[in-house]
Amino acid sequence: MSIETLQDFFLWCTVINSGLFAFWAAMFSFAPDLVYRTQRRWFPLSQEHFTVVMYSFLGLFKIFVLVFNLVPLIALFIISG
């Protein structure tokens, strides 16, 4: 597999995962009650606990995107150039 193919792969992974993160963060920021009401059916948590869980997952997802998508992409650009 060529470095250019890997660069394209990690670039699209970063774009897609960043888009998912932005959508998730926007939904949670602008419509937190809607998100809570839809999830309350499956997860019986109080609103305070749900907020903590959502912020924790957002932080964890952001770290995963950075470590597993963006950092390898940057490393590939460094070694190819």
PDB file of N, CA and C in Angstrom:
ATOM      1  N   MET A   1       0.852  -1.163   0.000  1.00  0.00           N
ATOM      2  CA  MET A   1       0.000   0.000   0.000  1.00  0.00           C
ATOM      3  C   MET A   1       0.908   1.240   0.000  1.00  0.00           C
ATOM      4  N   SER A   2       0.568   2.189  -0.802  1.00  0.00           N
ATOM      5  CA  SER A   2       1.416   3.374  -0.930  1.00  0.00           C
ATOM      6  C   SER A   2       1.107   4.387   0.174  1.00  0.00           C
ATOM      7  N   ILE A   3       2.040   5.286   0.387  1.00  0.00           N
ATOM      8  CA  ILE A   3       1.857   6.331   1.399  1.00  0.00           C
ATOM      9  C   ILE A   3       0.721   7.259   1.008  1.00  0.00           C
ATOM     10  N   GLU A   4       0.560   7.511  -0.298  1.00  0.00           N
ATOM     11  CA  GLU A   4      -0.526   8.388  -0.756  1.00  0.00           C
ATOM     12  C   GLU A   4      -1.895   7.787  -0.436  1.00  0.00           C
ATOM     13  N   THR A   5      -2.019   6.469  -0.590  1.00  0.00           N
ATOM     14  CA  THR A   5      -3.279   5.796  -0.258  1.00  0.00           C
ATOM     15  C   THR A   5      -3.557   5.893   1.236  1.00  0.00           C
ATOM     16  N   LEU A   6      -2.534   5.692   2.046  1.00  0.00           N
ATOM     17  CA  LEU A   6      -2.705   5.814   3.498  1.00  0.00           C
ATOM     18  C   LEU A   6      -3.051   7.245   3.899  1.00  0.00           C
ATOM     19  N   GLN A   7      -2.426   8.212   3.234  1.00  0.00           N
ATOM     20  CA  GLN A   7      -2.752   9.608   3.526  1.00  0.00           C
ATOM     21  C   GLN A   7      -4.213   9.897   3.204  1.00  0.00           C
ATOM     22  N   ASP A   8      -4.683   9.426   2.060  1.00  0.00           N
ATOM     23  CA  ASP A   8      -6.091   9.620   1.702  1.00  0.00           C
ATOM     24  C   ASP A   8      -7.015   8.942   2.700  1.00  0.00           C
ATOM     25  N   PHE A   9      -6.643   7.719   3.095  1.00  0.00           N
ATOM     26  CA  PHE A   9      -7.453   6.983   4.059  1.00  0.00           C
ATOM     27  C   PHE A   9      -7.577   7.742   5.378  1.00  0.00           C
ATOM     28  N   PHE A  10      -6.454   8.158   5.946  1.00  0.00           N
ATOM     29  CA  PHE A  10      -6.493   8.852   7.229  1.00  0.00           C
ATOM     30  C   PHE A  10      -7.115  10.242   7.106  1.00  0.00           C
ATOM     31  N   LEU A  11      -6.963  10.870   5.952  1.00  0.00           N
ATOM     32  CA  LEU A  11      -7.616  12.165   5.745  1.00  0.00           C
ATOM     33  C   LEU A  11      -9.129  12.011   5.785  1.00  0.00           C
ATOM     34  N   TRP A  12      -9.661  11.019   5.063  1.00  0.00           N
ATOM     35  CA  TRP A  12     -11.107  10.820   5.071  1.00  0.00           C
ATOM     36  C   TRP A  12     -11.614  10.323   6.421  1.00  0.00           C
ATOM     37  N   CYS A  13     -10.832   9.500   7.104  1.00  0.00           N
ATOM     38  CA  CYS A  13     -11.211   9.087   8.465  1.00  0.00           C
ATOM     39  C   CYS A  13     -11.313  10.301   9.380  1.00  0.00           C
ATOM     40  N   THR A  14     -10.351  11.203   9.267  1.00  0.00           N
ATOM     41  CA  THR A  14     -10.349  12.401  10.094  1.00  0.00           C
ATOM     42  C   THR A  14     -11.534  13.299   9.758  1.00  0.00           C
ATOM     43  N   VAL A  15     -11.818  13.471   8.489  1.00  0.00           N
ATOM     44  CA  VAL A  15     -12.943  14.323   8.066  1.00  0.00           C
ATOM     45  C   VAL A  15     -14.271  13.742   8.545  1.00  0.00           C
ATOM     46  N   ILE A  16     -14.472  12.455   8.334  1.00  0.00           N
ATOM     47  CA  ILE A  16     -15.735  11.824   8.726  1.00  0.00           C
ATOM     48  C   ILE A  16     -15.909  11.837  10.243  1.00  0.00           C
ATOM     49  N   ASN A  17     -14.881  11.446  10.975  1.00  0.00           N
ATOM     50  CA  ASN A  17     -14.988  11.415  12.433  1.00  0.00           C
ATOM     51  C   ASN A  17     -15.116  12.818  13.023  1.00  0.00           C
ATOM     52  N   SER A  18     -14.457  13.796  12.437  1.00  0.00           N
ATOM     53  CA  SER A  18     -14.606  15.176  12.915  1.00  0.00           C
ATOM     54  C   SER A  18     -16.012  15.689  12.648  1.00  0.00           C
ATOM     55  N   GLY A  19     -16.574  15.303  11.504  1.00  0.00           N
ATOM     56  CA  GLY A  19     -17.959  15.671  11.217  1.00  0.00           C
ATOM     57  C   GLY A  19     -18.936  15.054  12.197  1.00  0.00           C
ATOM     58  N   LEU A  20     -18.730  13.780  12.516  1.00  0.00           N
ATOM     59  CA  LEU A  20     -19.578  13.121  13.519  1.00  0.00           C
ATOM     60  C   LEU A  20     -19.443  13.799  14.880  1.00  0.00           C
ATOM     61  N   PHE A  21     -18.209  14.133  15.238  1.00  0.00           N
ATOM     62  CA  PHE A  21     -17.989  14.819  16.515  1.00  0.00           C
ATOM     63  C   PHE A  21     -18.687  16.173  16.536  1.00  0.00           C
ATOM     64  N   ALA A  22     -18.558  16.935  15.447  1.00  0.00           N
ATOM     65  CA  ALA A  22     -19.190  18.258  15.383  1.00  0.00           C
ATOM     66  C   ALA A  22     -20.711  18.136  15.458  1.00  0.00           C
ATOM     67  N   PHE A  23     -21.277  17.172  14.753  1.00  0.00           N
ATOM     68  CA  PHE A  23     -22.730  16.963  14.804  1.00  0.00           C
ATOM     69  C   PHE A  23     -23.183  16.588  16.206  1.00  0.00           C
ATOM     70  N   TRP A  24     -22.466  15.661  16.842  1.00  0.00           N
ATOM     71  CA  TRP A  24     -22.805  15.204  18.185  1.00  0.00           C
ATOM     72  C   TRP A  24     -22.702  16.366  19.181  1.00  0.00           C
ATOM     73  N   ALA A  25     -21.630  17.135  19.087  1.00  0.00           N
ATOM     74  CA  ALA A  25     -21.451  18.264  20.003  1.00  0.00           C
ATOM     75  C   ALA A  25     -22.513  19.335  19.760  1.00  0.00           C
ATOM     76  N   ALA A  26     -22.854  19.591  18.493  1.00  0.00           N
ATOM     77  CA  ALA A  26     -23.877  20.585  18.188  1.00  0.00           C
ATOM     78  C   ALA A  26     -25.242  20.145  18.710  1.00  0.00           C
ATOM     79  N   MET A  27     -25.589  18.893  18.509  1.00  0.00           N
ATOM     80  CA  MET A  27     -26.865  18.392  19.021  1.00  0.00           C
ATOM     81  C   MET A  27     -26.919  18.499  20.536  1.00  0.00           C
ATOM     82  N   PHE A  28     -25.831  18.155  21.179  1.00  0.00           N
ATOM     83  CA  PHE A  28     -25.826  18.202  22.639  1.00  0.00           C
ATOM     84  C   PHE A  28     -25.790  19.634  23.156  1.00  0.00           C
ATOM     85  N   SER A  29     -25.216  20.551  22.386  1.00  0.00           N
ATOM     86  CA  SER A  29     -25.141  21.947  22.821  1.00  0.00           C
ATOM     87  C   SER A  29     -26.449  22.705  22.570  1.00  0.00           C
ATOM     88  N   PHE A  30     -27.052  22.465  21.407  1.00  0.00           N
ATOM     89  CA  PHE A  30     -28.216  23.261  21.017  1.00  0.00           C
ATOM     90  C   PHE A  30     -29.553  22.600  21.315  1.00  0.00           C
ATOM     91  N   ALA A  31     -29.574  21.284  21.511  1.00  0.00           N
ATOM     92  CA  ALA A  31     -30.826  20.582  21.810  1.00  0.00           C
ATOM     93  C   ALA A  31     -30.607  19.504  22.867  1.00  0.00           C
ATOM     94  N   PRO A  32     -30.099  19.884  24.037  1.00  0.00           N
ATOM     95  CA  PRO A  32     -29.801  18.848  25.041  1.00  0.00           C
ATOM     96  C   PRO A  32     -31.060  18.147  25.560  1.00  0.00           C
ATOM     97  N   ASP A  33     -32.174  18.867  25.648  1.00  0.00           N
ATOM     98  CA  ASP A  33     -33.402  18.232  26.134  1.00  0.00           C
ATOM     99  C   ASP A  33     -33.923  17.192  25.152  1.00  0.00           C
ATOM    100  N   LEU A  34     -33.822  17.498  23.859  1.00  0.00           N
ATOM    101  CA  LEU A  34     -34.237  16.534  22.841  1.00  0.00           C
ATOM    102  C   LEU A  34     -33.381  15.280  22.909  1.00  0.00           C
ATOM    103  N   VAL A  35     -32.080  15.442  23.036  1.00  0.00           N
ATOM    104  CA  VAL A  35     -31.177  14.287  23.130  1.00  0.00           C
ATOM    105  C   VAL A  35     -31.498  13.484  24.384  1.00  0.00           C
ATOM    106  N   TYR A  36     -31.725  14.171  25.485  1.00  0.00           N
ATOM    107  CA  TYR A  36     -32.031  13.468  26.741  1.00  0.00           C
ATOM    108  C   TYR A  36     -33.350  12.705  26.641  1.00  0.00           C
ATOM    109  N   ARG A  37     -34.373  13.332  26.072  1.00  0.00           N
ATOM    110  CA  ARG A  37     -35.673  12.670  25.952  1.00  0.00           C
ATOM    111  C   ARG A  37     -35.601  11.431  25.061  1.00  0.00           C
ATOM    112  N   THR A  38     -34.852  11.508  23.977  1.00  0.00           N
ATOM    113  CA  THR A  38     -34.782  10.341  23.086  1.00  0.00           C
ATOM    114  C   THR A  38     -33.972   9.207  23.707  1.00  0.00           C
ATOM    115  N   GLN A  39     -32.966   9.532  24.495  1.00  0.00           N
ATOM    116  CA  GLN A  39     -32.135   8.490  25.102  1.00  0.00           C
ATOM    117  C   GLN A  39     -32.702   7.961  26.407  1.00  0.00           C
ATOM    118  N   ARG A  40     -33.583   8.712  27.046  1.00  0.00           N
ATOM    119  CA  ARG A  40     -34.148   8.319  28.332  1.00  0.00           C
ATOM    120  C   ARG A  40     -34.946   7.021  28.229  1.00  0.00           C
ATOM    121  N   ARG A  41     -35.464   6.728  27.047  1.00  0.00           N
ATOM    122  CA  ARG A  41     -36.232   5.493  26.866  1.00  0.00           C
ATOM    123  C   ARG A  41     -35.375   4.253  27.107  1.00  0.00           C
ATOM    124  N   TRP A  42     -34.115   4.321  26.707  1.00  0.00           N
ATOM    125  CA  TRP A  42     -33.239   3.153  26.809  1.00  0.00           C
ATOM    126  C   TRP A  42     -32.330   3.193  28.030  1.00  0.00           C
ATOM    127  N   PHE A  43     -31.987   4.387  28.478  1.00  0.00           N
ATOM    128  CA  PHE A  43     -31.049   4.532  29.596  1.00  0.00           C
ATOM    129  C   PHE A  43     -31.702   5.373  30.693  1.00  0.00           C
ATOM    130  N   PRO A  44     -32.163   4.744  31.751  1.00  0.00           N
ATOM    131  CA  PRO A  44     -32.858   5.490  32.807  1.00  0.00           C
ATOM    132  C   PRO A  44     -31.876   6.236  33.723  1.00  0.00           C
ATOM    133  N   LEU A  45     -31.384   7.377  33.256  1.00  0.00           N
ATOM    134  CA  LEU A  45     -30.466   8.205  34.033  1.00  0.00           C
ATOM    135  C   LEU A  45     -31.109   9.551  34.322  1.00  0.00           C
ATOM    136  N   SER A  46     -30.670  10.168  35.395  1.00  0.00           N
ATOM    137  CA  SER A  46     -31.121  11.538  35.645  1.00  0.00           C
ATOM    138  C   SER A  46     -30.445  12.461  34.634  1.00  0.00           C
ATOM    139  N   GLN A  47     -31.009  13.647  34.467  1.00  0.00           N
ATOM    140  CA  GLN A  47     -30.457  14.591  33.496  1.00  0.00           C
ATOM    141  C   GLN A  47     -29.020  14.968  33.858  1.00  0.00           C
ATOM    142  N   GLU A  48     -28.719  15.106  35.134  1.00  0.00           N
ATOM    143  CA  GLU A  48     -27.362  15.459  35.553  1.00  0.00           C
ATOM    144  C   GLU A  48     -26.368  14.355  35.208  1.00  0.00           C
ATOM    145  N   HIS A  49     -26.730  13.109  35.493  1.00  0.00           N
ATOM    146  CA  HIS A  49     -25.845  11.983  35.159  1.00  0.00           C
ATOM    147  C   HIS A  49     -25.691  11.844  33.648  1.00  0.00           C
ATOM    148  N   PHE A  50     -26.782  12.057  32.930  1.00  0.00           N
ATOM    149  CA  PHE A  50     -26.723  11.971  31.472  1.00  0.00           C
ATOM    150  C   PHE A  50     -25.779  13.019  30.900  1.00  0.00           C
ATOM    151  N   THR A  51     -25.806  14.227  31.441  1.00  0.00           N
ATOM    152  CA  THR A  51     -24.920  15.297  30.983  1.00  0.00           C
ATOM    153  C   THR A  51     -23.460  14.925  31.219  1.00  0.00           C
ATOM    154  N   VAL A  52     -23.169  14.378  32.381  1.00  0.00           N
ATOM    155  CA  VAL A  52     -21.792  13.965  32.687  1.00  0.00           C
ATOM    156  C   VAL A  52     -21.344  12.860  31.734  1.00  0.00           C
ATOM    157  N   VAL A  53     -22.209  11.898  31.486  1.00  0.00           N
ATOM    158  CA  VAL A  53     -21.867  10.797  30.581  1.00  0.00           C
ATOM    159  C   VAL A  53     -21.630  11.323  29.168  1.00  0.00           C
ATOM    160  N   MET A  54     -22.483  12.220  28.693  1.00  0.00           N
ATOM    161  CA  MET A  54     -22.323  12.755  27.336  1.00  0.00           C
ATOM    162  C   MET A  54     -21.031  13.550  27.201  1.00  0.00           C
ATOM    163  N   TYR A  55     -20.726  14.399  28.167  1.00  0.00           N
ATOM    164  CA  TYR A  55     -19.471  15.158  28.109  1.00  0.00           C
ATOM    165  C   TYR A  55     -18.265  14.223  28.169  1.00  0.00           C
ATOM    166  N   SER A  56     -18.358  13.172  28.955  1.00  0.00           N
ATOM    167  CA  SER A  56     -17.260  12.205  29.029  1.00  0.00           C
ATOM    168  C   SER A  56     -17.058  11.499  27.694  1.00  0.00           C
ATOM    169  N   PHE A  57     -18.157  11.080  27.072  1.00  0.00           N
ATOM    170  CA  PHE A  57     -18.044  10.419  25.774  1.00  0.00           C
ATOM    171  C   PHE A  57     -17.546  11.372  24.699  1.00  0.00           C
ATOM    172  N   LEU A  58     -17.977  12.621  24.738  1.00  0.00           N
ATOM    173  CA  LEU A  58     -17.472  13.604  23.772  1.00  0.00           C
ATOM    174  C   LEU A  58     -15.961  13.785  23.923  1.00  0.00           C
ATOM    175  N   GLY A  59     -15.503  13.891  25.144  1.00  0.00           N
ATOM    176  CA  GLY A  59     -14.066  14.031  25.383  1.00  0.00           C
ATOM    177  C   GLY A  59     -13.294  12.810  24.938  1.00  0.00           C
ATOM    178  N   LEU A  60     -13.798  11.629  25.244  1.00  0.00           N
ATOM    179  CA  LEU A  60     -13.138  10.393  24.846  1.00  0.00           C
ATOM    180  C   LEU A  60     -13.109  10.250  23.326  1.00  0.00           C
ATOM    181  N   PHE A  61     -14.216  10.577  22.660  1.00  0.00           N
ATOM    182  CA  PHE A  61     -14.272  10.493  21.211  1.00  0.00           C
ATOM    183  C   PHE A  61     -13.284  11.467  20.572  1.00  0.00           C
ATOM    184  N   LYS A  62     -13.184  12.677  21.139  1.00  0.00           N
ATOM    185  CA  LYS A  62     -12.245  13.660  20.613  1.00  0.00           C
ATOM    186  C   LYS A  62     -10.802  13.160  20.744  1.00  0.00           C
ATOM    187  N   ILE A  63     -10.474  12.563  21.867  1.00  0.00           N
ATOM    188  CA  ILE A  63      -9.130  12.020  22.056  1.00  0.00           C
ATOM    189  C   ILE A  63      -8.867  10.900  21.057  1.00  0.00           C
ATOM    190  N   PHE A  64      -9.846  10.018  20.844  1.00  0.00           N
ATOM    191  CA  PHE A  64      -9.678   8.932  19.877  1.00  0.00           C
ATOM    192  C   PHE A  64      -9.472   9.450  18.463  1.00  0.00           C
ATOM    193  N   VAL A  65     -10.225  10.470  18.081  1.00  0.00           N
ATOM    194  CA  VAL A  65     -10.067  11.047  16.740  1.00  0.00           C
ATOM    195  C   VAL A  65      -8.671  11.635  16.592  1.00  0.00           C
ATOM    196  N   LEU A  66      -8.226  12.342  17.590  1.00  0.00           N
ATOM    197  CA  LEU A  66      -6.892  12.941  17.518  1.00  0.00           C
ATOM    198  C   LEU A  66      -5.799  11.885  17.454  1.00  0.00           C
ATOM    199  N   VAL A  67      -5.870  10.892  18.327  1.00  0.00           N
ATOM    200  CA  VAL A  67      -4.795   9.899  18.443  1.00  0.00           C
ATOM    201  C   VAL A  67      -4.799   8.908  17.283  1.00  0.00           C
ATOM    202  N   PHE A  68      -5.967   8.461  16.858  1.00  0.00           N
ATOM    203  CA  PHE A  68      -6.024   7.388  15.865  1.00  0.00           C
ATOM    204  C   PHE A  68      -6.273   7.866  14.437  1.00  0.00           C
ATOM    205  N   ASN A  69      -6.602   9.140  14.234  1.00  0.00           N
ATOM    206  CA  ASN A  69      -6.829   9.650  12.884  1.00  0.00           C
ATOM    207  C   ASN A  69      -5.873  10.776  12.530  1.00  0.00           C
ATOM    208  N   LEU A  70      -5.870  11.823  13.341  1.00  0.00           N
ATOM    209  CA  LEU A  70      -5.110  13.014  12.989  1.00  0.00           C
ATOM    210  C   LEU A  70      -3.598  12.821  13.158  1.00  0.00           C
ATOM    211  N   VAL A  71      -3.176  12.213  14.242  1.00  0.00           N
ATOM    212  CA  VAL A  71      -1.743  12.018  14.470  1.00  0.00           C
ATOM    213  C   VAL A  71      -1.118  11.114  13.397  1.00  0.00           C
ATOM    214  N   PRO A  72      -1.737   9.972  13.035  1.00  0.00           N
ATOM    215  CA  PRO A  72      -1.144   9.190  11.936  1.00  0.00           C
ATOM    216  C   PRO A  72      -1.124   9.951  10.611  1.00  0.00           C
ATOM    217  N   LEU A  73      -2.151  10.762  10.354  1.00  0.00           N
ATOM    218  CA  LEU A  73      -2.175  11.562   9.130  1.00  0.00           C
ATOM    219  C   LEU A  73      -1.021  12.542   9.094  1.00  0.00           C
ATOM    220  N   ILE A  74      -0.795  13.234  10.195  1.00  0.00           N
ATOM    221  CA  ILE A  74       0.319  14.183  10.273  1.00  0.00           C
ATOM    222  C   ILE A  74       1.656  13.457  10.118  1.00  0.00           C
ATOM    223  N   ALA A  75       1.789  12.297  10.757  1.00  0.00           N
ATOM    224  CA  ALA A  75       3.029  11.528  10.634  1.00  0.00           C
ATOM    225  C   ALA A  75       3.273  11.096   9.196  1.00  0.00           C
ATOM    226  N   LEU A  76       2.230  10.690   8.493  1.00  0.00           N
ATOM    227  CA  LEU A  76       2.394  10.305   7.092  1.00  0.00           C
ATOM    228  C   LEU A  76       2.793  11.495   6.224  1.00  0.00           C
ATOM    229  N   PHE A  77       2.217  12.662   6.478  1.00  0.00           N
ATOM    230  CA  PHE A  77       2.624  13.840   5.724  1.00  0.00           C
ATOM    231  C   PHE A  77       4.081  14.216   6.011  1.00  0.00           C
ATOM    232  N   ILE A  78       4.530  14.028   7.248  1.00  0.00           N
ATOM    233  CA  ILE A  78       5.903  14.343   7.599  1.00  0.00           C
ATOM    234  C   ILE A  78       6.870  13.398   6.891  1.00  0.00           C
ATOM    235  N   ILE A  79       6.581  12.092   6.919  1.00  0.00           N
ATOM    236  CA  ILE A  79       7.540  11.152   6.323  1.00  0.00           C
ATOM    237  C   ILE A  79       7.496  11.160   4.794  1.00  0.00           C
ATOM    238  N   SER A  80       6.416  11.645   4.209  1.00  0.00           N
ATOM    239  CA  SER A  80       6.350  11.657   2.746  1.00  0.00           C
ATOM    240  C   SER A  80       6.960  12.907   2.143  1.00  0.00           C
ATOM    241  N   GLY A  81       7.135  13.899   2.958  1.00  0.00           N
ATOM    242  CA  GLY A  81       7.508  15.150   2.383  1.00  0.00           C
ATOM    243  C   GLY A  81       8.875  15.614   2.557  1.00  0.00           C
TER     244      GLY A  81
END
